[in-house]
Amino acid sequence: MFYIIKTTIKATVSAYNTYKDPRVEHLPLVGSPFPVFAIVALYLLFSLKWGPRWMQTRKAYDLKNLIAIYNGIQV
């Protein structure tokens, strides 16, 4: 199992390095695939672990007025 994951990561990084565009290497999140993976991992941790634990003892937010204002702006 570990060999499959290792091979997949190697192939992905190799393909990324082969086909990357040097004109956009200086842009954020484009120079390497790892920052994007880190952002996705942090998002998943927050939405699946930290967020529910944080909201467990809190009352639900009342967003009715905020949504009405947002809808008014969109129209």
PDB file of N, CA and C in Angstrom:
ATOM      1  N   MET A   1       0.827  -1.195   0.000  1.00  0.00           N
ATOM      2  CA  MET A   1       0.000   0.000   0.000  1.00  0.00           C
ATOM      3  C   MET A   1       0.873   1.261   0.000  1.00  0.00           C
ATOM      4  N   PHE A   2       1.894   1.259   0.879  1.00  0.00           N
ATOM      5  CA  PHE A   2       2.770   2.420   0.946  1.00  0.00           C
ATOM      6  C   PHE A   2       3.511   2.619  -0.368  1.00  0.00           C
ATOM      7  N   TYR A   3       3.892   1.528  -1.015  1.00  0.00           N
ATOM      8  CA  TYR A   3       4.597   1.619  -2.296  1.00  0.00           C
ATOM      9  C   TYR A   3       3.724   2.290  -3.354  1.00  0.00           C
ATOM     10  N   ILE A   4       2.443   1.972  -3.364  1.00  0.00           N
ATOM     11  CA  ILE A   4       1.522   2.575  -4.339  1.00  0.00           C
ATOM     12  C   ILE A   4       1.406   4.076  -4.099  1.00  0.00           C
ATOM     13  N   ILE A   5       1.277   4.467  -2.845  1.00  0.00           N
ATOM     14  CA  ILE A   5       1.167   5.896  -2.515  1.00  0.00           C
ATOM     15  C   ILE A   5       2.459   6.619  -2.883  1.00  0.00           C
ATOM     16  N   LYS A   6       3.595   6.016  -2.534  1.00  0.00           N
ATOM     17  CA  LYS A   6       4.891   6.630  -2.833  1.00  0.00           C
ATOM     18  C   LYS A   6       5.085   6.788  -4.340  1.00  0.00           C
ATOM     19  N   THR A   7       4.738   5.768  -5.104  1.00  0.00           N
ATOM     20  CA  THR A   7       4.866   5.821  -6.560  1.00  0.00           C
ATOM     21  C   THR A   7       3.937   6.870  -7.156  1.00  0.00           C
ATOM     22  N   THR A   8       2.727   6.955  -6.640  1.00  0.00           N
ATOM     23  CA  THR A   8       1.775   7.948  -7.131  1.00  0.00           C
ATOM     24  C   THR A   8       2.274   9.361  -6.861  1.00  0.00           C
ATOM     25  N   ILE A   9       2.800   9.594  -5.675  1.00  0.00           N
ATOM     26  CA  ILE A   9       3.323  10.925  -5.341  1.00  0.00           C
ATOM     27  C   ILE A   9       4.517  11.259  -6.230  1.00  0.00           C
ATOM     28  N   LYS A  10       5.413  10.300  -6.432  1.00  0.00           N
ATOM     29  CA  LYS A  10       6.570  10.534  -7.307  1.00  0.00           C
ATOM     30  C   LYS A  10       6.134  10.865  -8.728  1.00  0.00           C
ATOM     31  N   ALA A  11       5.167  10.123  -9.246  1.00  0.00           N
ATOM     32  CA  ALA A  11       4.682  10.364 -10.609  1.00  0.00           C
ATOM     33  C   ALA A  11       4.013  11.725 -10.715  1.00  0.00           C
ATOM     34  N   THR A  12       3.252  12.101  -9.691  1.00  0.00           N
ATOM     35  CA  THR A  12       2.574  13.397  -9.707  1.00  0.00           C
ATOM     36  C   THR A  12       3.582  14.538  -9.685  1.00  0.00           C
ATOM     37  N   VAL A  13       4.561  14.459  -8.807  1.00  0.00           N
ATOM     38  CA  VAL A  13       5.576  15.514  -8.720  1.00  0.00           C
ATOM     39  C   VAL A  13       6.402  15.562 -10.003  1.00  0.00           C
ATOM     40  N   SER A  14       6.724  14.415 -10.563  1.00  0.00           N
ATOM     41  CA  SER A  14       7.482  14.377 -11.814  1.00  0.00           C
ATOM     42  C   SER A  14       6.695  15.018 -12.957  1.00  0.00           C
ATOM     43  N   ALA A  15       5.418  14.680 -13.066  1.00  0.00           N
ATOM     44  CA  ALA A  15       4.583  15.284 -14.111  1.00  0.00           C
ATOM     45  C   ALA A  15       4.441  16.779 -13.878  1.00  0.00           C
ATOM     46  N   TYR A  16       4.303  17.173 -12.626  1.00  0.00           N
ATOM     47  CA  TYR A  16       4.183  18.596 -12.303  1.00  0.00           C
ATOM     48  C   TYR A  16       5.442  19.343 -12.727  1.00  0.00           C
ATOM     49  N   ASN A  17       6.606  18.786 -12.415  1.00  0.00           N
ATOM     50  CA  ASN A  17       7.865  19.446 -12.769  1.00  0.00           C
ATOM     51  C   ASN A  17       8.115  19.438 -14.271  1.00  0.00           C
ATOM     52  N   THR A  18       7.612  18.448 -14.973  1.00  0.00           N
ATOM     53  CA  THR A  18       7.813  18.357 -16.417  1.00  0.00           C
ATOM     54  C   THR A  18       6.973  19.380 -17.169  1.00  0.00           C
ATOM     55  N   TYR A  19       5.731  19.554 -16.759  1.00  0.00           N
ATOM     56  CA  TYR A  19       4.793  20.374 -17.526  1.00  0.00           C
ATOM     57  C   TYR A  19       4.519  21.752 -16.930  1.00  0.00           C
ATOM     58  N   LYS A  20       5.242  22.151 -15.901  1.00  0.00           N
ATOM     59  CA  LYS A  20       4.959  23.450 -15.291  1.00  0.00           C
ATOM     60  C   LYS A  20       5.423  24.593 -16.190  1.00  0.00           C
ATOM     61  N   ASP A  21       4.765  25.719 -16.045  1.00  0.00           N
ATOM     62  CA  ASP A  21       5.061  26.902 -16.849  1.00  0.00           C
ATOM     63  C   ASP A  21       5.982  27.822 -16.045  1.00  0.00           C
ATOM     64  N   PRO A  22       7.195  28.094 -16.513  1.00  0.00           N
ATOM     65  CA  PRO A  22       8.130  28.911 -15.732  1.00  0.00           C
ATOM     66  C   PRO A  22       7.677  30.362 -15.569  1.00  0.00           C
ATOM     67  N   ARG A  23       6.728  30.815 -16.381  1.00  0.00           N
ATOM     68  CA  ARG A  23       6.269  32.206 -16.272  1.00  0.00           C
ATOM     69  C   ARG A  23       5.429  32.445 -15.028  1.00  0.00           C
ATOM     70  N   VAL A  24       4.877  31.404 -14.442  1.00  0.00           N
ATOM     71  CA  VAL A  24       3.996  31.587 -13.290  1.00  0.00           C
ATOM     72  C   VAL A  24       4.563  30.978 -12.011  1.00  0.00           C
ATOM     73  N   GLU A  25       5.828  30.589 -12.021  1.00  0.00           N
ATOM     74  CA  GLU A  25       6.431  29.967 -10.839  1.00  0.00           C
ATOM     75  C   GLU A  25       6.467  30.897  -9.635  1.00  0.00           C
ATOM     76  N   HIS A  26       6.538  32.196  -9.856  1.00  0.00           N
ATOM     77  CA  HIS A  26       6.644  33.147  -8.754  1.00  0.00           C
ATOM     78  C   HIS A  26       5.293  33.421  -8.087  1.00  0.00           C
ATOM     79  N   LEU A  27       4.204  33.011  -8.697  1.00  0.00           N
ATOM     80  CA  LEU A  27       2.880  33.267  -8.135  1.00  0.00           C
ATOM     81  C   LEU A  27       2.618  32.358  -6.935  1.00  0.00           C
ATOM     82  N   PRO A  28       1.837  32.856  -5.961  1.00  0.00           N
ATOM     83  CA  PRO A  28       1.547  32.017  -4.797  1.00  0.00           C
ATOM     84  C   PRO A  28       0.744  30.778  -5.191  1.00  0.00           C
ATOM     85  N   LEU A  29       1.023  29.676  -4.553  1.00  0.00           N
ATOM     86  CA  LEU A  29       0.346  28.387  -4.736  1.00  0.00           C
ATOM     87  C   LEU A  29       0.614  27.741  -6.088  1.00  0.00           C
ATOM     88  N   VAL A  30       1.500  28.300  -6.901  1.00  0.00           N
ATOM     89  CA  VAL A  30       1.769  27.731  -8.216  1.00  0.00           C
ATOM     90  C   VAL A  30       3.171  27.123  -8.271  1.00  0.00           C
ATOM     91  N   GLY A  31       4.068  27.574  -7.433  1.00  0.00           N
ATOM     92  CA  GLY A  31       5.445  27.105  -7.483  1.00  0.00           C
ATOM     93  C   GLY A  31       5.617  25.658  -7.068  1.00  0.00           C
ATOM     94  N   SER A  32       4.682  25.138  -6.287  1.00  0.00           N
ATOM     95  CA  SER A  32       4.777  23.771  -5.802  1.00  0.00           C
ATOM     96  C   SER A  32       3.372  23.268  -5.483  1.00  0.00           C
ATOM     97  N   PRO A  33       3.117  21.973  -5.609  1.00  0.00           N
ATOM     98  CA  PRO A  33       1.779  21.462  -5.291  1.00  0.00           C
ATOM     99  C   PRO A  33       1.528  21.321  -3.791  1.00  0.00           C
ATOM    100  N   PHE A  34       2.556  21.384  -2.980  1.00  0.00           N
ATOM    101  CA  PHE A  34       2.403  21.111  -1.560  1.00  0.00           C
ATOM    102  C   PHE A  34       1.617  22.171  -0.793  1.00  0.00           C
ATOM    103  N   PRO A  35       1.720  23.477  -1.093  1.00  0.00           N
ATOM    104  CA  PRO A  35       0.869  24.434  -0.384  1.00  0.00           C
ATOM    105  C   PRO A  35      -0.626  24.182  -0.600  1.00  0.00           C
ATOM    106  N   VAL A  36      -0.998  23.757  -1.785  1.00  0.00           N
ATOM    107  CA  VAL A  36      -2.407  23.461  -2.053  1.00  0.00           C
ATOM    108  C   VAL A  36      -2.846  22.258  -1.228  1.00  0.00           C
ATOM    109  N   PHE A  37      -2.000  21.228  -1.162  1.00  0.00           N
ATOM    110  CA  PHE A  37      -2.320  20.066  -0.337  1.00  0.00           C
ATOM    111  C   PHE A  37      -2.456  20.463   1.130  1.00  0.00           C
ATOM    112  N   ALA A  38      -1.589  21.368   1.598  1.00  0.00           N
ATOM    113  CA  ALA A  38      -1.657  21.814   2.985  1.00  0.00           C
ATOM    114  C   ALA A  38      -2.950  22.572   3.253  1.00  0.00           C
ATOM    115  N   ILE A  39      -3.365  23.426   2.328  1.00  0.00           N
ATOM    116  CA  ILE A  39      -4.612  24.172   2.500  1.00  0.00           C
ATOM    117  C   ILE A  39      -5.802  23.227   2.529  1.00  0.00           C
ATOM    118  N   VAL A  40      -5.812  22.247   1.645  1.00  0.00           N
ATOM    119  CA  VAL A  40      -6.910  21.272   1.622  1.00  0.00           C
ATOM    120  C   VAL A  40      -6.924  20.461   2.915  1.00  0.00           C
ATOM    121  N   ALA A  41      -5.751  20.060   3.392  1.00  0.00           N
ATOM    122  CA  ALA A  41      -5.680  19.293   4.637  1.00  0.00           C
ATOM    123  C   ALA A  41      -6.184  20.117   5.816  1.00  0.00           C
ATOM    124  N   LEU A  42      -5.789  21.390   5.892  1.00  0.00           N
ATOM    125  CA  LEU A  42      -6.271  22.254   6.975  1.00  0.00           C
ATOM    126  C   LEU A  42      -7.774  22.476   6.884  1.00  0.00           C
ATOM    127  N   TYR A  43      -8.289  22.636   5.674  1.00  0.00           N
ATOM    128  CA  TYR A  43      -9.729  22.797   5.493  1.00  0.00           C
ATOM    129  C   TYR A  43     -10.474  21.558   5.980  1.00  0.00           C
ATOM    130  N   LEU A  44      -9.992  20.390   5.606  1.00  0.00           N
ATOM    131  CA  LEU A  44     -10.644  19.156   6.036  1.00  0.00           C
ATOM    132  C   LEU A  44     -10.570  18.980   7.548  1.00  0.00           C
ATOM    133  N   LEU A  45      -9.415  19.307   8.139  1.00  0.00           N
ATOM    134  CA  LEU A  45      -9.303  19.224   9.595  1.00  0.00           C
ATOM    135  C   LEU A  45     -10.291  20.157  10.280  1.00  0.00           C
ATOM    136  N   PHE A  46     -10.404  21.376   9.767  1.00  0.00           N
ATOM    137  CA  PHE A  46     -11.318  22.323  10.394  1.00  0.00           C
ATOM    138  C   PHE A  46     -12.765  21.901  10.219  1.00  0.00           C
ATOM    139  N   SER A  47     -13.139  21.501   9.006  1.00  0.00           N
ATOM    140  CA  SER A  47     -14.550  21.209   8.757  1.00  0.00           C
ATOM    141  C   SER A  47     -14.994  19.879   9.351  1.00  0.00           C
ATOM    142  N   LEU A  48     -14.078  18.937   9.522  1.00  0.00           N
ATOM    143  CA  LEU A  48     -14.475  17.628  10.042  1.00  0.00           C
ATOM    144  C   LEU A  48     -14.151  17.420  11.519  1.00  0.00           C
ATOM    145  N   LYS A  49     -13.137  18.083  12.043  1.00  0.00           N
ATOM    146  CA  LYS A  49     -12.722  17.858  13.436  1.00  0.00           C
ATOM    147  C   LYS A  49     -12.883  19.109  14.302  1.00  0.00           C
ATOM    148  N   TRP A  50     -12.119  20.160  13.958  1.00  0.00           N
ATOM    149  CA  TRP A  50     -12.066  21.334  14.822  1.00  0.00           C
ATOM    150  C   TRP A  50     -13.368  22.113  14.843  1.00  0.00           C
ATOM    151  N   GLY A  51     -13.986  22.311  13.697  1.00  0.00           N
ATOM    152  CA  GLY A  51     -15.224  23.084  13.623  1.00  0.00           C
ATOM    153  C   GLY A  51     -16.350  22.485  14.437  1.00  0.00           C
ATOM    154  N   PRO A  52     -16.678  21.205  14.244  1.00  0.00           N
ATOM    155  CA  PRO A  52     -17.739  20.608  15.056  1.00  0.00           C
ATOM    156  C   PRO A  52     -17.424  20.622  16.554  1.00  0.00           C
ATOM    157  N   ARG A  53     -16.162  20.403  16.915  1.00  0.00           N
ATOM    158  CA  ARG A  53     -15.801  20.440  18.334  1.00  0.00           C
ATOM    159  C   ARG A  53     -15.959  21.855  18.896  1.00  0.00           C
ATOM    160  N   TRP A  54     -15.620  22.860  18.093  1.00  0.00           N
ATOM    161  CA  TRP A  54     -15.726  24.253  18.522  1.00  0.00           C
ATOM    162  C   TRP A  54     -17.189  24.669  18.673  1.00  0.00           C
ATOM    163  N   MET A  55     -18.049  24.210  17.769  1.00  0.00           N
ATOM    164  CA  MET A  55     -19.463  24.604  17.792  1.00  0.00           C
ATOM    165  C   MET A  55     -20.316  23.706  18.689  1.00  0.00           C
ATOM    166  N   GLN A  56     -19.749  22.686  19.280  1.00  0.00           N
ATOM    167  CA  GLN A  56     -20.503  21.736  20.080  1.00  0.00           C
ATOM    168  C   GLN A  56     -21.195  22.404  21.265  1.00  0.00           C
ATOM    169  N   THR A  57     -20.550  23.354  21.907  1.00  0.00           N
ATOM    170  CA  THR A  57     -21.127  24.000  23.085  1.00  0.00           C
ATOM    171  C   THR A  57     -21.738  25.357  22.768  1.00  0.00           C
ATOM    172  N   ARG A  58     -21.779  25.724  21.513  1.00  0.00           N
ATOM    173  CA  ARG A  58     -22.304  27.036  21.132  1.00  0.00           C
ATOM    174  C   ARG A  58     -23.674  26.909  20.498  1.00  0.00           C
ATOM    175  N   LYS A  59     -24.424  28.010  20.603  1.00  0.00           N
ATOM    176  CA  LYS A  59     -25.726  28.081  19.960  1.00  0.00           C
ATOM    177  C   LYS A  59     -25.521  28.382  18.471  1.00  0.00           C
ATOM    178  N   ALA A  60     -26.428  27.909  17.645  1.00  0.00           N
ATOM    179  CA  ALA A  60     -26.324  28.151  16.203  1.00  0.00           C
ATOM    180  C   ALA A  60     -26.408  29.651  15.921  1.00  0.00           C
ATOM    181  N   TYR A  61     -25.680  30.095  14.920  1.00  0.00           N
ATOM    182  CA  TYR A  61     -25.698  31.500  14.544  1.00  0.00           C
ATOM    183  C   TYR A  61     -27.016  31.847  13.867  1.00  0.00           C
ATOM    184  N   ASP A  62     -27.525  33.051  14.145  1.00  0.00           N
ATOM    185  CA  ASP A  62     -28.739  33.531  13.487  1.00  0.00           C
ATOM    186  C   ASP A  62     -28.305  34.388  12.299  1.00  0.00           C
ATOM    187  N   LEU A  63     -28.429  33.846  11.112  1.00  0.00           N
ATOM    188  CA  LEU A  63     -27.959  34.515   9.903  1.00  0.00           C
ATOM    189  C   LEU A  63     -29.093  35.046   9.040  1.00  0.00           C
ATOM    190  N   LYS A  64     -30.312  35.051   9.564  1.00  0.00           N
ATOM    191  CA  LYS A  64     -31.467  35.440   8.757  1.00  0.00           C
ATOM    192  C   LYS A  64     -31.321  36.865   8.219  1.00  0.00           C
ATOM    193  N   ASN A  65     -30.957  37.822   9.068  1.00  0.00           N
ATOM    194  CA  ASN A  65     -30.814  39.215   8.625  1.00  0.00           C
ATOM    195  C   ASN A  65     -29.644  39.376   7.649  1.00  0.00           C
ATOM    196  N   LEU A  66     -28.550  38.707   7.930  1.00  0.00           N
ATOM    197  CA  LEU A  66     -27.387  38.788   7.047  1.00  0.00           C
ATOM    198  C   LEU A  66     -27.707  38.213   5.665  1.00  0.00           C
ATOM    199  N   ILE A  67     -28.430  37.113   5.620  1.00  0.00           N
ATOM    200  CA  ILE A  67     -28.808  36.514   4.340  1.00  0.00           C
ATOM    201  C   ILE A  67     -29.778  37.416   3.591  1.00  0.00           C
ATOM    202  N   ALA A  68     -30.689  38.079   4.301  1.00  0.00           N
ATOM    203  CA  ALA A  68     -31.622  39.000   3.645  1.00  0.00           C
ATOM    204  C   ALA A  68     -30.868  40.177   3.025  1.00  0.00           C
ATOM    205  N   ILE A  69     -29.887  40.715   3.737  1.00  0.00           N
ATOM    206  CA  ILE A  69     -29.077  41.815   3.200  1.00  0.00           C
ATOM    207  C   ILE A  69     -28.289  41.337   1.981  1.00  0.00           C
ATOM    208  N   TYR A  70     -27.694  40.166   2.085  1.00  0.00           N
ATOM    209  CA  TYR A  70     -26.934  39.606   0.964  1.00  0.00           C
ATOM    210  C   TYR A  70     -27.829  39.420  -0.258  1.00  0.00           C
ATOM    211  N   ASN A  71     -29.019  38.870  -0.055  1.00  0.00           N
ATOM    212  CA  ASN A  71     -29.943  38.668  -1.172  1.00  0.00           C
ATOM    213  C   ASN A  71     -30.372  40.007  -1.776  1.00  0.00           C
ATOM    214  N   GLY A  72     -30.568  41.016  -0.937  1.00  0.00           N
ATOM    215  CA  GLY A  72     -30.924  42.338  -1.443  1.00  0.00           C
ATOM    216  C   GLY A  72     -29.820  42.935  -2.293  1.00  0.00           C
ATOM    217  N   ILE A  73     -28.583  42.739  -1.886  1.00  0.00           N
ATOM    218  CA  ILE A  73     -27.450  43.244  -2.666  1.00  0.00           C
ATOM    219  C   ILE A  73     -27.341  42.501  -3.991  1.00  0.00           C
ATOM    220  N   GLN A  74     -27.618  41.211  -3.995  1.00  0.00           N
ATOM    221  CA  GLN A  74     -27.511  40.411  -5.212  1.00  0.00           C
ATOM    222  C   GLN A  74     -28.578  40.769  -6.240  1.00  0.00           C
ATOM    223  N   VAL A  75     -29.723  41.231  -5.775  1.00  0.00           N
ATOM    224  CA  VAL A  75     -30.815  41.578  -6.700  1.00  0.00           C
ATOM    225  C   VAL A  75     -30.518  42.941  -7.243  1.00  0.00           C
TER     226      VAL A  75
END
